[in-house]
Amino acid sequence: MPHPYVLLSAAVSLDGRLDDTGPERLLLSGPADFDRVDEVRADSDAILVGAGTLRADNPRLLVNSAERRAARVAAGRPAYPLKVTVSGTGDLDPTANFWSTGGEKVVYTTDEGAVTAEQALRGLGVDVVPLGAGLDWRAVLTHLHDVRGVRRLMVEGGGRVHTQLLQQGLADELQLALAPLVVGQPHAPKLFGEGEYPGGPRNRLRLTETRPVGDVVLMRYVPTAPGTGPVPSAADHRWLRLACELAAECPPSATAFSVGAVVVAADGTELARGYSRESDAVSHAEEAALAKIEPGDPRLPAATVYSSLEPCARRASRPAPCARLILDAGVRRVVTAWREPDTFVAAADGNGLLAAAGADVLVLQEYESAAKEPNQHLNRG
């Protein structure tokens, strides 16, 4: 299901700590970075923190700039983003700053926690959403997207929340402000906890920006490791968008689709990319990409192929269709945006061929329109 764009935002010390162990919150950022964070908040539809952060820091989570609030209102948005917290127990302090400032608020909790939360927050106008016996981040994000209309979600902590979202492949971006100090306390809270992360310890997030902001350094990263099995990750969305963009590079044809494809290793390394008619007049996107990879590359069995259009199951121009080329290469995971219509081949079912051979096939339909765009000329009489 579609999710909001999830941006993890944090300030950390040089030794990766979010705070020290003292009773007062350690301010890692300075005025310039606080203003940057305010700008990011103003650009977001919702701001989320975990219940632990509410208890420890008692944040207000406001857009402090009157000019930015006015700009939101002028654009037809509420003055403040939706404020969101997640609590398994529903044990929440009704006197916390979170509830008495800003605009609308929502709590995601368990069925049992909802009873506790509704009693504690009665009369405060807070929307309490039970999600069943346990908390499920995908359910939280789906509800925010589909019911609350959230397209951009800023997550401001704490470390447990950041850890879970990154481990589950649900974070689209990390904005990290690195402060010029060392906490040096072994029990001080860390940004990320231990455990398995997508792509394993060799996965390198992609650095997209670095710049000084006052006396801290802002670093922006995006994840690159594909998901596993039938569960999409944030990186899956990013790579599929790239495949759709590559389709626009195809030489136009009246007798074939324009398609883009990318092959990505499990650790997030791009192995190859291609697009239709890249190498000759009849080459397909997946074919062009796979041809650039050495046969037998040990990374292929755990790799993912991203294709803007369902890989073909039958073709007249080559002995083997793209679905077969993918399987013969050893790849067993494919993410695509658009099922092949009957324009040239009736009842095409490349996804079925792949699935029958044991491959995991994901169709992310929210990218279908992007995949169709370079092919609009095929629908004109």
Protein backbone atom coordinates (compact mmCIF):
# COMPACT_ATOMS: atom_id res chain seq x y z
CA MET A 1 0.00 0.00 0.00
CA PRO A 2 1.21 3.59 -0.59
CA HIS A 3 2.98 5.20 2.35
CA PRO A 4 4.04 8.78 3.09
CA TYR A 5 7.60 9.84 2.35
CA VAL A 6 9.30 9.10 5.70
CA LEU A 7 12.08 11.47 6.75
CA LEU A 8 14.07 10.59 9.88
CA SER A 9 15.46 13.72 11.56
CA ALA A 10 17.98 13.71 14.40
CA ALA A 11 20.89 15.56 15.94
CA VAL A 12 23.72 13.45 17.36
CA SER A 13 27.08 13.88 19.04
CA LEU A 14 30.31 12.75 17.41
CA ASP A 15 29.95 9.43 19.25
CA GLY A 16 26.40 8.90 17.99
CA ARG A 17 24.45 9.89 21.11
CA LEU A 18 21.09 11.65 21.09
CA ASP A 19 21.44 12.95 24.65
CA ASP A 20 23.45 12.53 27.81
CA THR A 21 22.25 10.86 31.01
CA GLY A 22 21.59 14.08 32.94
CA PRO A 23 18.14 15.26 34.01
CA GLU A 24 18.06 18.12 31.50
CA ARG A 25 17.94 17.56 27.74
CA LEU A 26 21.31 18.06 26.04
CA LEU A 27 20.93 20.62 23.24
CA LEU A 28 23.09 19.29 20.43
CA SER A 29 22.06 21.86 17.81
CA GLY A 30 22.35 25.63 17.76
CA PRO A 31 20.01 28.41 16.59
CA ALA A 32 20.79 27.97 12.88
CA ASP A 33 19.97 24.25 12.94
CA PHE A 34 16.83 24.78 15.04
CA ASP A 35 15.64 27.14 12.31
CA ARG A 36 16.46 24.54 9.64
CA VAL A 37 14.41 21.96 11.55
CA ASP A 38 11.55 24.46 11.77
CA GLU A 39 11.67 24.80 7.99
CA VAL A 40 11.54 21.02 7.54
CA ARG A 41 8.57 20.83 9.92
CA ALA A 42 6.77 23.51 7.94
CA ASP A 43 7.26 21.48 4.77
CA SER A 44 5.82 18.32 6.36
CA ASP A 45 2.24 17.11 6.57
CA ALA A 46 2.82 15.39 9.90
CA ILE A 47 5.46 15.12 12.64
CA LEU A 48 5.88 11.89 14.61
CA VAL A 49 7.64 11.04 17.87
CA GLY A 50 7.47 7.96 20.02
CA ALA A 51 5.82 7.95 23.42
CA GLY A 52 9.22 7.55 25.08
CA THR A 53 10.37 10.85 23.60
CA LEU A 54 7.18 12.54 24.82
CA ARG A 55 7.94 11.37 28.35
CA ALA A 56 11.66 12.18 28.27
CA ASP A 57 11.69 15.51 26.42
CA ASN A 58 8.13 16.87 26.70
CA PRO A 59 8.40 18.47 23.21
CA ARG A 60 5.89 20.88 21.68
CA LEU A 61 6.74 20.03 18.04
CA LEU A 62 5.53 23.32 16.58
CA VAL A 63 6.30 25.35 13.49
CA ASN A 64 7.71 28.32 15.38
CA SER A 65 8.01 30.77 12.49
CA ALA A 66 4.88 32.88 12.04
CA GLU A 67 5.87 33.47 8.42
CA ARG A 68 6.06 29.74 7.73
CA ARG A 69 2.71 29.12 9.40
CA ALA A 70 1.19 31.90 7.30
CA ALA A 71 2.66 30.36 4.14
CA ARG A 72 1.08 27.02 5.03
CA VAL A 73 -2.31 28.64 5.51
CA ALA A 74 -1.96 30.59 2.24
CA ALA A 75 -1.31 27.27 0.50
CA GLY A 76 -4.55 25.82 1.90
CA ARG A 77 -2.86 23.77 4.62
CA PRO A 78 -3.39 23.95 8.40
CA ALA A 79 -1.02 26.25 10.25
CA TYR A 80 0.59 23.31 12.01
CA PRO A 81 1.33 19.80 10.73
CA LEU A 82 -0.57 16.88 12.21
CA LYS A 83 1.18 15.70 15.39
CA VAL A 84 1.52 11.92 15.75
CA THR A 85 2.72 9.63 18.50
CA VAL A 86 2.88 5.86 18.82
CA SER A 87 2.39 4.03 22.11
CA GLY A 88 1.91 0.32 22.69
CA THR A 89 0.46 0.80 26.17
CA GLY A 90 -1.48 4.03 25.65
CA ASP A 91 0.04 5.32 28.90
CA LEU A 92 0.26 9.00 28.02
CA ASP A 93 0.42 12.12 30.20
CA PRO A 94 -2.51 14.43 29.35
CA THR A 95 -0.60 17.44 30.74
CA ALA A 96 2.31 17.08 28.28
CA ASN A 97 3.05 20.01 25.97
CA PHE A 98 2.34 17.81 22.96
CA TRP A 99 -1.43 17.92 23.56
CA SER A 100 -1.90 21.56 24.47
CA THR A 101 -0.14 23.21 21.52
CA GLY A 102 -0.38 23.09 17.74
CA GLY A 103 -3.14 21.60 15.64
CA GLU A 104 -4.60 18.12 15.32
CA LYS A 105 -3.12 15.11 17.12
CA VAL A 106 -3.38 11.37 16.60
CA VAL A 107 -2.21 8.41 18.69
CA TYR A 108 -1.56 4.98 17.19
CA THR A 109 -1.74 2.19 19.71
CA THR A 110 -2.92 -1.37 20.34
CA ASP A 111 -6.50 -2.38 21.04
CA GLU A 112 -5.68 -2.66 24.73
CA GLY A 113 -3.68 0.56 24.71
CA ALA A 114 -6.57 2.43 23.09
CA VAL A 115 -8.69 1.96 26.21
CA THR A 116 -5.97 3.49 28.38
CA ALA A 117 -5.24 6.32 25.94
CA GLU A 118 -8.87 7.31 25.50
CA GLN A 119 -9.32 7.52 29.26
CA ALA A 120 -6.15 9.56 29.75
CA LEU A 121 -6.81 11.96 26.86
CA ARG A 122 -10.57 12.34 27.20
CA GLY A 123 -11.72 15.85 26.29
CA LEU A 124 -8.51 16.82 24.49
CA GLY A 125 -9.84 16.15 20.99
CA VAL A 126 -7.15 13.54 20.24
CA ASP A 127 -7.83 10.86 17.63
CA VAL A 128 -6.90 7.47 19.12
CA VAL A 129 -6.42 4.77 16.48
CA PRO A 130 -6.19 1.11 17.63
CA LEU A 131 -4.24 -1.19 15.31
CA GLY A 132 -4.95 -4.59 16.80
CA ALA A 133 -3.04 -6.73 19.27
CA GLY A 134 0.32 -5.16 18.39
CA LEU A 135 1.82 -2.12 16.74
CA ASP A 136 2.59 -2.39 13.04
CA TRP A 137 4.54 0.42 11.38
CA ARG A 138 3.19 -0.41 7.94
CA ALA A 139 -0.34 -0.13 9.28
CA VAL A 140 0.54 3.23 10.87
CA LEU A 141 1.96 4.58 7.60
CA THR A 142 -0.92 3.25 5.51
CA HIS A 143 -3.48 4.88 7.81
CA LEU A 144 -1.61 8.18 7.76
CA HIS A 145 -1.50 8.10 3.95
CA ASP A 146 -4.98 6.82 3.16
CA VAL A 147 -7.07 8.30 5.99
CA ARG A 148 -5.12 11.37 7.06
CA GLY A 149 -3.79 12.35 3.64
CA VAL A 150 -0.19 12.55 4.85
CA ARG A 151 2.30 12.57 1.98
CA ARG A 152 5.40 13.73 3.87
CA LEU A 153 6.09 12.52 7.41
CA MET A 154 8.88 13.92 9.56
CA VAL A 155 10.02 11.58 12.36
CA GLU A 156 11.86 13.26 15.23
CA GLY A 157 12.60 10.29 17.46
CA GLY A 158 13.47 8.69 19.55
CA GLY A 159 16.17 6.18 18.84
CA ARG A 160 13.85 3.19 19.12
CA VAL A 161 11.46 4.63 16.54
CA HIS A 162 14.30 5.54 14.17
CA THR A 163 15.76 2.06 14.57
CA GLN A 164 12.51 0.26 13.82
CA LEU A 165 11.70 2.34 10.74
CA LEU A 166 15.19 1.93 9.29
CA GLN A 167 15.36 -1.79 10.09
CA GLN A 168 12.00 -2.39 8.42
CA GLY A 169 13.04 -0.52 5.29
CA LEU A 170 10.44 2.19 5.77
CA ALA A 171 12.68 5.27 5.97
CA ASP A 172 13.02 7.24 2.73
CA GLU A 173 15.60 9.70 4.02
CA LEU A 174 17.81 10.42 7.02
CA GLN A 175 18.69 14.01 7.92
CA LEU A 176 21.47 13.94 10.48
CA ALA A 177 22.90 17.00 12.24
CA LEU A 178 26.35 16.10 13.60
CA ALA A 179 27.25 18.20 16.66
CA PRO A 180 30.88 19.01 17.53
CA LEU A 181 30.94 17.33 20.94
CA VAL A 182 31.47 13.91 22.50
CA VAL A 183 29.06 12.63 25.17
CA GLY A 184 31.24 9.70 26.22
CA GLN A 185 28.63 8.05 28.43
CA PRO A 186 28.06 4.35 27.67
CA HIS A 187 24.42 4.42 28.75
CA ALA A 188 23.45 7.62 26.93
CA PRO A 189 20.73 7.04 24.28
CA LYS A 190 21.98 6.15 20.80
CA LEU A 191 20.47 7.07 17.44
CA PHE A 192 20.27 3.48 16.21
CA GLY A 193 20.12 0.23 18.15
CA GLU A 194 21.54 -3.18 17.42
CA GLY A 195 19.92 -5.66 15.04
CA GLU A 196 19.55 -6.50 11.39
CA TYR A 197 19.31 -3.67 8.86
CA PRO A 198 18.40 -3.93 5.15
CA GLY A 199 21.38 -4.96 3.08
CA GLY A 200 23.41 -5.99 6.12
CA PRO A 201 26.52 -4.28 7.52
CA ARG A 202 27.98 -3.77 4.04
CA ASN A 203 25.07 -1.60 2.91
CA ARG A 204 26.18 1.98 2.41
CA LEU A 205 23.46 4.60 2.43
CA ARG A 206 23.84 7.18 -0.32
CA LEU A 207 24.99 10.64 0.77
CA THR A 208 22.95 13.26 -1.09
CA GLU A 209 23.98 16.46 0.72
CA THR A 210 26.42 17.75 3.30
CA ARG A 211 26.72 21.36 4.48
CA PRO A 212 27.53 23.33 7.62
CA VAL A 213 24.61 24.79 9.55
CA GLY A 214 26.03 26.99 12.27
CA ASP A 215 28.49 24.79 14.15
CA VAL A 216 26.88 21.48 13.17
CA VAL A 217 27.14 19.59 9.90
CA LEU A 218 23.96 18.50 8.13
CA MET A 219 24.21 15.19 6.30
CA ARG A 220 21.38 13.77 4.22
CA TYR A 221 21.29 10.09 3.32
CA VAL A 222 18.89 7.87 1.38
CA PRO A 223 18.70 4.07 1.74
CA THR A 224 19.68 1.89 -1.20
CA ALA A 225 19.15 -1.73 -0.10
CA PRO A 226 16.19 -3.46 -1.79
CA GLY A 227 13.53 -5.14 0.27
CA THR A 228 13.32 -8.89 0.62
CA GLY A 229 10.63 -11.24 -0.66
CA PRO A 230 7.22 -9.70 -1.33
CA VAL A 231 7.62 -6.82 1.13
CA PRO A 232 8.59 -3.48 -0.47
CA SER A 233 11.15 -1.18 1.12
CA ALA A 234 11.65 2.55 0.75
CA ALA A 235 14.63 1.80 -1.50
CA ASP A 236 12.37 -0.29 -3.76
CA HIS A 237 10.34 2.84 -4.43
CA ARG A 238 13.46 4.88 -5.16
CA TRP A 239 14.88 2.33 -7.63
CA LEU A 240 11.55 1.85 -9.39
CA ARG A 241 11.23 5.61 -9.85
CA LEU A 242 14.65 5.53 -11.49
CA ALA A 243 13.52 2.74 -13.82
CA CYS A 244 10.51 4.85 -14.84
CA GLU A 245 12.77 7.84 -15.47
CA LEU A 246 15.06 5.70 -17.67
CA ALA A 247 12.07 4.81 -19.86
CA ALA A 248 12.00 8.44 -21.03
CA GLU A 249 15.46 7.94 -22.60
CA CYS A 250 14.22 5.30 -25.06
CA PRO A 251 14.26 6.14 -28.78
CA PRO A 252 10.53 6.33 -29.65
CA SER A 253 8.91 3.40 -31.42
CA ALA A 254 5.45 2.76 -32.82
CA THR A 255 5.81 -0.98 -32.40
CA ALA A 256 7.32 -1.41 -28.93
CA PHE A 257 7.07 -0.04 -25.42
CA SER A 258 9.55 2.36 -23.85
CA VAL A 259 10.82 0.72 -20.68
CA GLY A 260 13.57 1.36 -18.14
CA ALA A 261 15.26 -1.21 -15.90
CA VAL A 262 17.80 -1.28 -13.06
CA VAL A 263 19.52 -4.28 -11.43
CA VAL A 264 20.47 -3.76 -7.77
CA ALA A 265 22.42 -6.05 -5.43
CA ALA A 266 21.12 -6.92 -1.97
CA ASP A 267 23.53 -4.44 -0.35
CA GLY A 268 22.16 -1.56 -2.46
CA THR A 269 24.91 -1.54 -5.09
CA GLU A 270 23.61 -0.69 -8.55
CA LEU A 271 24.86 -3.45 -10.86
CA ALA A 272 23.51 -2.10 -14.14
CA ARG A 273 20.77 -0.11 -15.80
CA GLY A 274 19.27 -0.09 -19.27
CA TYR A 275 16.39 1.04 -21.42
CA SER A 276 14.55 -0.19 -24.49
CA ARG A 277 16.43 0.11 -27.81
CA GLU A 278 19.55 1.24 -25.98
CA SER A 279 21.94 -1.10 -27.79
CA ASP A 280 19.96 -1.86 -30.97
CA ALA A 281 16.53 -1.35 -32.50
CA VAL A 282 14.92 -4.34 -30.75
CA SER A 283 16.67 -4.62 -27.37
CA HIS A 284 14.51 -4.58 -24.24
CA ALA A 285 15.34 -2.73 -21.04
CA GLU A 286 15.96 -5.77 -18.82
CA GLU A 287 17.98 -7.39 -21.58
CA ALA A 288 20.14 -4.27 -21.97
CA ALA A 289 20.80 -4.04 -18.23
CA LEU A 290 21.58 -7.74 -17.69
CA ALA A 291 23.96 -7.75 -20.67
CA LYS A 292 26.21 -5.33 -18.77
CA ILE A 293 26.69 -7.75 -15.86
CA GLU A 294 29.23 -10.58 -15.98
CA PRO A 295 27.38 -13.93 -16.22
CA GLY A 296 27.60 -15.81 -12.96
CA ASP A 297 28.12 -12.68 -10.86
CA PRO A 298 27.60 -14.04 -7.30
CA ARG A 299 25.46 -11.01 -6.41
CA LEU A 300 22.73 -11.85 -8.94
CA PRO A 301 20.79 -14.52 -6.97
CA ALA A 302 20.08 -12.00 -4.19
CA ALA A 303 19.62 -9.03 -6.54
CA THR A 304 16.41 -7.26 -7.56
CA VAL A 305 15.43 -6.25 -11.07
CA TYR A 306 13.36 -3.06 -11.29
CA SER A 307 11.42 -2.60 -14.51
CA SER A 308 8.91 0.09 -15.37
CA LEU A 309 6.90 -2.52 -17.34
CA GLU A 310 6.23 -6.16 -16.53
CA PRO A 311 9.05 -8.25 -18.10
CA CYS A 312 7.89 -9.85 -21.34
CA ALA A 313 6.93 -13.52 -21.46
CA ARG A 314 6.90 -13.78 -25.27
CA ARG A 315 8.71 -11.86 -28.00
CA ALA A 316 9.44 -12.28 -31.70
CA SER A 317 12.68 -10.30 -31.89
CA ARG A 318 14.85 -12.54 -29.67
CA PRO A 319 14.91 -16.25 -28.75
CA ALA A 320 14.36 -15.59 -25.04
CA PRO A 321 11.88 -13.16 -23.42
CA CYS A 322 13.02 -10.91 -20.60
CA ALA A 323 11.31 -12.94 -17.89
CA ARG A 324 13.39 -15.94 -18.97
CA LEU A 325 16.57 -13.84 -19.15
CA ILE A 326 15.99 -12.71 -15.57
CA LEU A 327 15.50 -16.28 -14.35
CA ASP A 328 18.50 -17.58 -16.30
CA ALA A 329 20.63 -14.87 -14.70
CA GLY A 330 19.66 -16.27 -11.30
CA VAL A 331 17.61 -13.28 -10.13
CA ARG A 332 14.59 -14.19 -8.04
CA ARG A 333 13.08 -10.82 -7.16
CA VAL A 334 11.42 -8.37 -9.56
CA VAL A 335 9.69 -5.04 -8.84
CA THR A 336 7.59 -3.47 -11.57
CA ALA A 337 5.12 -0.63 -12.00
CA TRP A 338 2.81 -1.60 -14.87
CA ARG A 339 1.33 -4.88 -16.08
CA GLU A 340 1.85 -5.32 -19.81
CA PRO A 341 -1.32 -4.42 -21.75
CA ASP A 342 -2.49 -6.31 -24.84
CA THR A 343 -1.14 -3.63 -27.20
CA PHE A 344 1.33 -5.97 -28.91
CA VAL A 345 0.95 -9.35 -27.16
CA ALA A 346 -2.39 -10.73 -25.99
CA ALA A 347 -2.59 -12.06 -22.43
CA ALA A 348 1.04 -11.31 -21.66
CA ASP A 349 2.00 -12.67 -18.26
CA GLY A 350 5.69 -12.25 -17.57
CA ASN A 351 4.96 -11.85 -13.88
CA GLY A 352 3.21 -15.20 -13.90
CA LEU A 353 6.19 -16.87 -15.58
CA LEU A 354 8.51 -15.39 -12.97
CA ALA A 355 6.28 -16.36 -10.04
CA ALA A 356 5.86 -19.91 -11.34
CA ALA A 357 9.65 -20.26 -11.26
CA GLY A 358 9.77 -19.16 -7.63
CA ALA A 359 10.59 -15.49 -8.05
CA ASP A 360 9.06 -12.83 -5.83
CA VAL A 361 7.20 -10.29 -7.98
CA LEU A 362 5.97 -6.94 -6.65
CA VAL A 363 3.77 -4.55 -8.60
CA LEU A 364 3.85 -1.04 -7.13
CA GLN A 365 0.83 0.42 -8.88
CA GLU A 366 1.41 3.94 -7.60
CA TYR A 367 4.12 4.24 -10.28
CA GLU A 368 1.94 3.02 -13.14
CA SER A 369 1.24 6.51 -14.45
CA ALA A 370 4.98 7.30 -14.50
CA ALA A 371 5.62 4.09 -16.45
CA LYS A 372 2.88 4.91 -18.94
CA GLU A 373 4.02 8.47 -19.60
CA PRO A 374 6.78 7.66 -22.18
CA ASN A 375 4.27 5.41 -23.97
CA GLN A 376 1.43 7.87 -24.49
CA HIS A 377 2.08 7.96 -28.25
CA LEU A 378 1.05 4.30 -28.52
CA ASN A 379 -2.52 5.19 -27.55
CA ARG A 380 -2.96 7.78 -30.30
CA GLY A 381 -4.75 6.82 -33.46
